[in-house]
Amino acid sequence: MKKDIDFSPVTGVELVITQSENEGNAQWDVYLINKNLIELTTVMITSKGYGRIDGEEKQTSVLRHMIEKVEEQSYARIEPIQPELFQLNNEYWVSYFILDQIFDKKFVFVPDSIQKENLQYIPELDLMGVRHA
């Protein structure tokens, strides 16, 4: 039963949406950053977008990702993201193991939070992006 599982609080794990240039075009990507001094294993991520655009309810497909291992003080690219989706809530549900303990956290980038005005330098990636801790 889920109530029997000890979900310890998540620390040292962040999600960032970064902007980079690819052949003169802006490219946006989602990354998971592990700031912990221990590796994360069996990282499972679901992503979806939902909300209203021009008064109409919109919802994206649910995407599922699995990353075998994210080394200590490292990062992993999750997926690209289209700027048209920045008007929606962009939700990332992240579950992973440290040793034999499971950790679980939902990260939500609220509508219009991913804008050039909100970009900051992400030293782990050497890119500009929006950080969610």
N, C-alpha and C. Protein backbone atom coordinates (compact mmCIF):
# COMPACT_ATOMS: atom_id res chain seq x y z
N MET A 1 0.83 -1.19 0.00
CA MET A 1 0.00 0.00 0.00
C MET A 1 0.87 1.25 0.00
N LYS A 2 0.39 2.26 -0.71
CA LYS A 2 1.14 3.51 -0.80
C LYS A 2 1.34 4.14 0.57
N LYS A 3 0.37 3.99 1.46
CA LYS A 3 0.48 4.59 2.80
C LYS A 3 1.60 3.96 3.63
N ASP A 4 2.04 2.78 3.23
CA ASP A 4 3.10 2.08 3.94
C ASP A 4 4.50 2.46 3.46
N ILE A 5 4.57 3.22 2.36
CA ILE A 5 5.86 3.62 1.82
C ILE A 5 6.29 4.93 2.45
N ASP A 6 7.53 4.98 2.91
CA ASP A 6 8.08 6.19 3.51
C ASP A 6 8.65 7.06 2.39
N PHE A 7 7.93 8.14 2.04
CA PHE A 7 8.41 9.09 1.04
C PHE A 7 9.12 10.21 1.77
N SER A 8 10.43 10.14 1.83
CA SER A 8 11.23 11.18 2.47
C SER A 8 11.20 12.44 1.62
N PRO A 9 11.40 13.60 2.24
CA PRO A 9 11.38 14.84 1.47
C PRO A 9 12.54 14.90 0.47
N VAL A 10 12.25 15.47 -0.69
CA VAL A 10 13.25 15.60 -1.74
C VAL A 10 14.14 16.80 -1.46
N THR A 11 15.44 16.58 -1.47
CA THR A 11 16.41 17.66 -1.35
C THR A 11 17.51 17.43 -2.38
N GLY A 12 18.07 18.52 -2.88
CA GLY A 12 19.21 18.41 -3.79
C GLY A 12 18.86 18.02 -5.20
N VAL A 13 17.57 18.03 -5.56
CA VAL A 13 17.15 17.72 -6.92
C VAL A 13 16.35 18.90 -7.45
N GLU A 14 16.73 19.37 -8.64
CA GLU A 14 16.05 20.50 -9.26
C GLU A 14 15.70 20.18 -10.70
N LEU A 15 14.71 20.87 -11.22
CA LEU A 15 14.39 20.84 -12.63
C LEU A 15 14.65 22.22 -13.19
N VAL A 16 15.18 22.29 -14.39
CA VAL A 16 15.38 23.57 -15.07
C VAL A 16 14.92 23.44 -16.51
N ILE A 17 14.38 24.51 -17.02
CA ILE A 17 14.07 24.60 -18.45
C ILE A 17 15.04 25.62 -19.01
N THR A 18 15.86 25.17 -19.96
CA THR A 18 16.94 26.01 -20.47
C THR A 18 16.69 26.40 -21.92
N GLN A 19 17.33 27.51 -22.27
CA GLN A 19 17.31 27.96 -23.65
C GLN A 19 18.72 27.88 -24.20
N SER A 20 18.85 27.35 -25.40
CA SER A 20 20.14 27.32 -26.08
C SER A 20 19.91 27.62 -27.55
N GLU A 21 20.97 27.84 -28.27
CA GLU A 21 20.90 28.09 -29.70
C GLU A 21 21.32 26.84 -30.45
N ASN A 22 20.56 26.47 -31.46
CA ASN A 22 20.89 25.32 -32.29
C ASN A 22 20.71 25.75 -33.74
N GLU A 23 21.83 25.94 -34.43
CA GLU A 23 21.82 26.40 -35.82
C GLU A 23 21.02 27.69 -35.98
N GLY A 24 21.22 28.62 -35.06
CA GLY A 24 20.56 29.92 -35.13
C GLY A 24 19.14 29.96 -34.60
N ASN A 25 18.60 28.83 -34.19
CA ASN A 25 17.24 28.78 -33.66
C ASN A 25 17.28 28.54 -32.15
N ALA A 26 16.33 29.15 -31.44
CA ALA A 26 16.23 28.92 -30.00
C ALA A 26 15.70 27.51 -29.76
N GLN A 27 16.34 26.80 -28.85
CA GLN A 27 15.91 25.46 -28.46
C GLN A 27 15.72 25.44 -26.96
N TRP A 28 14.62 24.87 -26.50
CA TRP A 28 14.29 24.78 -25.09
C TRP A 28 14.32 23.31 -24.68
N ASP A 29 14.97 23.03 -23.54
CA ASP A 29 15.08 21.67 -23.03
C ASP A 29 14.84 21.64 -21.53
N VAL A 30 14.36 20.50 -21.05
CA VAL A 30 14.13 20.29 -19.62
C VAL A 30 15.23 19.37 -19.11
N TYR A 31 15.86 19.77 -17.99
CA TYR A 31 16.92 18.99 -17.37
C TYR A 31 16.60 18.71 -15.91
N LEU A 32 17.07 17.59 -15.41
CA LEU A 32 17.05 17.27 -14.00
C LEU A 32 18.49 17.44 -13.50
N ILE A 33 18.66 18.18 -12.40
CA ILE A 33 19.99 18.39 -11.82
C ILE A 33 20.04 17.69 -10.47
N ASN A 34 21.04 16.84 -10.29
CA ASN A 34 21.27 16.16 -9.01
C ASN A 34 22.41 16.87 -8.30
N LYS A 35 22.10 17.63 -7.24
CA LYS A 35 23.11 18.33 -6.46
C LYS A 35 23.62 17.50 -5.28
N ASN A 36 23.04 16.32 -5.10
CA ASN A 36 23.41 15.46 -3.99
C ASN A 36 24.81 14.87 -4.18
N LEU A 37 25.39 14.40 -3.09
CA LEU A 37 26.70 13.76 -3.14
C LEU A 37 26.59 12.26 -3.33
N ILE A 38 25.43 11.81 -3.82
CA ILE A 38 25.18 10.39 -4.08
C ILE A 38 24.33 10.30 -5.34
N GLU A 39 24.49 9.20 -6.07
CA GLU A 39 23.76 9.04 -7.33
C GLU A 39 22.29 8.74 -7.11
N LEU A 40 21.48 9.10 -8.11
CA LEU A 40 20.07 8.75 -8.15
C LEU A 40 19.94 7.58 -9.10
N THR A 41 19.12 6.61 -8.75
CA THR A 41 18.92 5.47 -9.64
C THR A 41 17.44 5.30 -9.95
N THR A 42 17.18 4.64 -11.05
CA THR A 42 15.82 4.36 -11.52
C THR A 42 14.96 5.62 -11.42
N VAL A 43 15.39 6.65 -12.13
CA VAL A 43 14.67 7.93 -12.13
C VAL A 43 13.53 7.83 -13.13
N MET A 44 12.31 7.99 -12.63
CA MET A 44 11.11 7.92 -13.47
C MET A 44 10.46 9.30 -13.46
N ILE A 45 10.12 9.78 -14.65
CA ILE A 45 9.55 11.11 -14.79
C ILE A 45 8.34 11.04 -15.71
N THR A 46 7.23 11.62 -15.26
CA THR A 46 6.10 11.82 -16.15
C THR A 46 5.94 13.32 -16.36
N SER A 47 5.61 13.70 -17.57
CA SER A 47 5.43 15.12 -17.86
C SER A 47 4.12 15.32 -18.60
N LYS A 48 3.49 16.45 -18.30
CA LYS A 48 2.26 16.81 -19.00
C LYS A 48 2.04 18.30 -18.87
N GLY A 49 1.28 18.83 -19.79
CA GLY A 49 0.88 20.23 -19.75
C GLY A 49 -0.63 20.31 -19.68
N TYR A 50 -1.12 21.33 -18.96
CA TYR A 50 -2.57 21.49 -18.85
C TYR A 50 -2.89 22.94 -18.51
N GLY A 51 -4.07 23.37 -18.88
CA GLY A 51 -4.51 24.74 -18.57
C GLY A 51 -5.39 25.28 -19.68
N ARG A 52 -5.45 26.61 -19.76
CA ARG A 52 -6.30 27.29 -20.73
C ARG A 52 -5.45 28.14 -21.67
N ILE A 53 -5.78 28.06 -22.95
CA ILE A 53 -5.19 28.94 -23.96
C ILE A 53 -6.35 29.56 -24.71
N ASP A 54 -6.40 30.89 -24.71
CA ASP A 54 -7.49 31.64 -25.35
C ASP A 54 -8.85 31.16 -24.86
N GLY A 55 -8.97 30.90 -23.56
CA GLY A 55 -10.24 30.51 -22.95
C GLY A 55 -10.63 29.06 -23.18
N GLU A 56 -9.82 28.31 -23.88
CA GLU A 56 -10.14 26.91 -24.17
C GLU A 56 -9.23 25.98 -23.38
N GLU A 57 -9.84 24.94 -22.76
CA GLU A 57 -9.06 23.95 -22.01
C GLU A 57 -8.14 23.18 -22.95
N LYS A 58 -6.89 23.09 -22.54
CA LYS A 58 -5.90 22.34 -23.32
C LYS A 58 -5.18 21.36 -22.41
N GLN A 59 -4.80 20.23 -22.97
CA GLN A 59 -4.03 19.23 -22.23
C GLN A 59 -3.14 18.49 -23.22
N THR A 60 -1.88 18.31 -22.83
CA THR A 60 -0.95 17.58 -23.69
C THR A 60 -1.00 16.10 -23.35
N SER A 61 -0.35 15.32 -24.15
CA SER A 61 -0.18 13.90 -23.85
C SER A 61 0.72 13.77 -22.63
N VAL A 62 0.55 12.69 -21.89
CA VAL A 62 1.44 12.38 -20.78
C VAL A 62 2.63 11.62 -21.35
N LEU A 63 3.84 12.13 -21.10
CA LEU A 63 5.06 11.46 -21.55
C LEU A 63 5.74 10.84 -20.34
N ARG A 64 6.32 9.68 -20.56
CA ARG A 64 7.02 8.98 -19.49
C ARG A 64 8.48 8.78 -19.89
N HIS A 65 9.36 9.04 -18.94
CA HIS A 65 10.80 8.92 -19.17
C HIS A 65 11.40 8.09 -18.05
N MET A 66 12.44 7.33 -18.40
CA MET A 66 13.17 6.56 -17.39
C MET A 66 14.65 6.78 -17.62
N ILE A 67 15.34 7.18 -16.57
CA ILE A 67 16.78 7.37 -16.62
C ILE A 67 17.38 6.40 -15.61
N GLU A 68 18.23 5.54 -16.08
CA GLU A 68 18.80 4.49 -15.23
C GLU A 68 19.56 5.05 -14.04
N LYS A 69 20.40 6.08 -14.31
CA LYS A 69 21.24 6.62 -13.24
C LYS A 69 21.61 8.06 -13.55
N VAL A 70 21.58 8.92 -12.50
CA VAL A 70 22.10 10.28 -12.59
C VAL A 70 23.18 10.38 -11.52
N GLU A 71 24.41 10.50 -11.97
CA GLU A 71 25.56 10.54 -11.06
C GLU A 71 25.44 11.69 -10.06
N GLU A 72 26.20 11.59 -8.96
CA GLU A 72 26.21 12.67 -7.97
C GLU A 72 26.72 13.95 -8.63
N GLN A 73 26.12 15.07 -8.23
CA GLN A 73 26.45 16.40 -8.73
C GLN A 73 26.55 16.41 -10.25
N SER A 74 25.49 15.89 -10.88
CA SER A 74 25.43 15.79 -12.33
C SER A 74 24.03 16.17 -12.80
N TYR A 75 23.78 15.96 -14.06
CA TYR A 75 22.47 16.28 -14.62
C TYR A 75 22.12 15.33 -15.75
N ALA A 76 20.83 15.34 -16.12
CA ALA A 76 20.35 14.54 -17.24
C ALA A 76 19.30 15.34 -17.99
N ARG A 77 19.36 15.27 -19.31
CA ARG A 77 18.34 15.92 -20.14
C ARG A 77 17.11 15.02 -20.16
N ILE A 78 15.95 15.63 -19.92
CA ILE A 78 14.70 14.87 -19.90
C ILE A 78 14.03 14.90 -21.26
N GLU A 79 13.77 16.12 -21.76
CA GLU A 79 13.04 16.24 -23.02
C GLU A 79 13.14 17.66 -23.55
N PRO A 80 12.90 17.83 -24.86
CA PRO A 80 12.74 19.18 -25.39
C PRO A 80 11.33 19.67 -25.06
N ILE A 81 11.14 20.97 -25.07
CA ILE A 81 9.81 21.54 -24.83
C ILE A 81 9.58 22.68 -25.81
N GLN A 82 8.38 22.74 -26.34
CA GLN A 82 8.02 23.77 -27.32
C GLN A 82 7.54 25.04 -26.59
N PRO A 83 7.97 26.22 -27.04
CA PRO A 83 7.56 27.47 -26.40
C PRO A 83 6.05 27.68 -26.35
N GLU A 84 5.31 27.08 -27.28
CA GLU A 84 3.85 27.21 -27.26
C GLU A 84 3.24 26.65 -25.98
N LEU A 85 3.96 25.74 -25.33
CA LEU A 85 3.45 25.11 -24.11
C LEU A 85 3.70 25.95 -22.86
N PHE A 86 4.45 27.03 -22.97
CA PHE A 86 4.77 27.86 -21.81
C PHE A 86 3.53 28.55 -21.24
N GLN A 87 2.45 28.61 -22.02
CA GLN A 87 1.19 29.20 -21.55
C GLN A 87 0.42 28.26 -20.63
N LEU A 88 0.87 27.01 -20.56
CA LEU A 88 0.20 26.00 -19.74
C LEU A 88 0.98 25.74 -18.46
N ASN A 89 0.35 25.05 -17.52
CA ASN A 89 1.09 24.46 -16.40
C ASN A 89 1.87 23.30 -16.99
N ASN A 90 3.16 23.26 -16.73
CA ASN A 90 4.00 22.16 -17.19
C ASN A 90 4.44 21.38 -15.96
N GLU A 91 3.88 20.18 -15.81
CA GLU A 91 4.07 19.38 -14.61
C GLU A 91 5.02 18.22 -14.88
N TYR A 92 5.96 18.05 -13.96
CA TYR A 92 6.93 16.95 -14.02
C TYR A 92 6.88 16.22 -12.68
N TRP A 93 6.47 14.97 -12.71
CA TRP A 93 6.43 14.14 -11.51
C TRP A 93 7.67 13.27 -11.54
N VAL A 94 8.56 13.46 -10.55
CA VAL A 94 9.86 12.79 -10.52
C VAL A 94 9.91 11.82 -9.34
N SER A 95 10.26 10.57 -9.63
CA SER A 95 10.48 9.56 -8.59
C SER A 95 11.84 8.92 -8.84
N TYR A 96 12.56 8.64 -7.76
CA TYR A 96 13.88 8.04 -7.91
C TYR A 96 14.27 7.35 -6.61
N PHE A 97 15.32 6.57 -6.70
CA PHE A 97 15.86 5.88 -5.54
C PHE A 97 17.24 6.43 -5.19
N ILE A 98 17.50 6.54 -3.90
CA ILE A 98 18.84 6.72 -3.37
C ILE A 98 19.03 5.53 -2.44
N LEU A 99 20.00 4.69 -2.80
CA LEU A 99 20.17 3.39 -2.16
C LEU A 99 18.86 2.63 -2.29
N ASP A 100 18.20 2.27 -1.19
CA ASP A 100 16.93 1.54 -1.30
C ASP A 100 15.73 2.39 -0.88
N GLN A 101 15.93 3.70 -0.77
CA GLN A 101 14.86 4.62 -0.36
C GLN A 101 14.28 5.33 -1.59
N ILE A 102 12.95 5.36 -1.71
CA ILE A 102 12.30 6.05 -2.82
C ILE A 102 12.00 7.50 -2.44
N PHE A 103 12.16 8.38 -3.41
CA PHE A 103 11.85 9.80 -3.25
C PHE A 103 10.92 10.19 -4.39
N ASP A 104 10.09 11.20 -4.13
CA ASP A 104 9.01 11.52 -5.06
C ASP A 104 8.68 13.00 -4.93
N LYS A 105 8.60 13.73 -6.06
CA LYS A 105 8.24 15.15 -5.99
C LYS A 105 7.62 15.59 -7.30
N LYS A 106 6.63 16.48 -7.18
CA LYS A 106 5.99 17.09 -8.34
C LYS A 106 6.55 18.50 -8.51
N PHE A 107 7.03 18.81 -9.71
CA PHE A 107 7.50 20.13 -10.07
C PHE A 107 6.51 20.70 -11.08
N VAL A 108 6.00 21.90 -10.84
CA VAL A 108 5.06 22.52 -11.77
C VAL A 108 5.58 23.91 -12.14
N PHE A 109 5.83 24.10 -13.43
CA PHE A 109 6.15 25.43 -13.96
C PHE A 109 4.80 26.05 -14.35
N VAL A 110 4.40 27.10 -13.63
CA VAL A 110 3.09 27.71 -13.85
C VAL A 110 3.09 28.48 -15.16
N PRO A 111 1.88 28.79 -15.69
CA PRO A 111 1.80 29.48 -16.98
C PRO A 111 2.61 30.77 -16.99
N ASP A 112 3.29 30.95 -18.10
CA ASP A 112 4.09 32.16 -18.37
C ASP A 112 5.24 32.39 -17.41
N SER A 113 5.65 31.38 -16.63
CA SER A 113 6.83 31.53 -15.77
C SER A 113 8.11 31.33 -16.58
N ILE A 114 8.00 30.70 -17.73
CA ILE A 114 9.17 30.47 -18.58
C ILE A 114 9.20 31.59 -19.62
N GLN A 115 9.89 32.66 -19.26
CA GLN A 115 10.02 33.84 -20.11
C GLN A 115 11.45 34.34 -20.05
N LYS A 116 11.84 35.08 -21.07
CA LYS A 116 13.21 35.62 -21.12
C LYS A 116 13.52 36.44 -19.88
N GLU A 117 12.53 37.16 -19.33
CA GLU A 117 12.76 38.00 -18.15
C GLU A 117 13.11 37.17 -16.91
N ASN A 118 12.70 35.90 -16.89
CA ASN A 118 12.94 35.03 -15.75
C ASN A 118 14.18 34.15 -15.89
N LEU A 119 14.87 34.27 -17.01
CA LEU A 119 16.06 33.45 -17.21
C LEU A 119 17.16 33.86 -16.26
N GLN A 120 17.87 32.87 -15.76
CA GLN A 120 19.04 33.09 -14.92
C GLN A 120 20.12 32.11 -15.35
N TYR A 121 21.34 32.42 -14.99
CA TYR A 121 22.45 31.55 -15.38
C TYR A 121 22.40 30.27 -14.56
N ILE A 122 22.47 29.12 -15.24
CA ILE A 122 22.47 27.81 -14.60
C ILE A 122 23.90 27.27 -14.74
N PRO A 123 24.74 27.45 -13.70
CA PRO A 123 26.16 27.08 -13.84
C PRO A 123 26.39 25.60 -14.10
N GLU A 124 25.52 24.73 -13.59
CA GLU A 124 25.69 23.29 -13.80
C GLU A 124 25.64 22.92 -15.28
N LEU A 125 24.90 23.71 -16.06
CA LEU A 125 24.71 23.41 -17.48
C LEU A 125 25.41 24.44 -18.37
N ASP A 126 25.88 25.53 -17.79
CA ASP A 126 26.47 26.64 -18.54
C ASP A 126 25.48 27.17 -19.57
N LEU A 127 24.21 27.28 -19.13
CA LEU A 127 23.13 27.78 -19.99
C LEU A 127 22.25 28.73 -19.18
N MET A 128 21.43 29.49 -19.89
CA MET A 128 20.42 30.32 -19.25
C MET A 128 19.13 29.51 -19.16
N GLY A 129 18.42 29.67 -18.02
CA GLY A 129 17.19 28.89 -17.87
C GLY A 129 16.37 29.35 -16.69
N VAL A 130 15.26 28.68 -16.49
CA VAL A 130 14.36 28.92 -15.36
C VAL A 130 14.48 27.72 -14.44
N ARG A 131 14.80 27.99 -13.19
CA ARG A 131 15.05 26.93 -12.20
C ARG A 131 13.81 26.69 -11.34
N HIS A 132 13.56 25.42 -11.03
CA HIS A 132 12.47 25.04 -10.12
C HIS A 132 13.06 24.06 -9.11
N ALA A 133 13.10 24.46 -7.83
CA ALA A 133 13.72 23.60 -6.81
C ALA A 133 12.67 22.92 -5.96
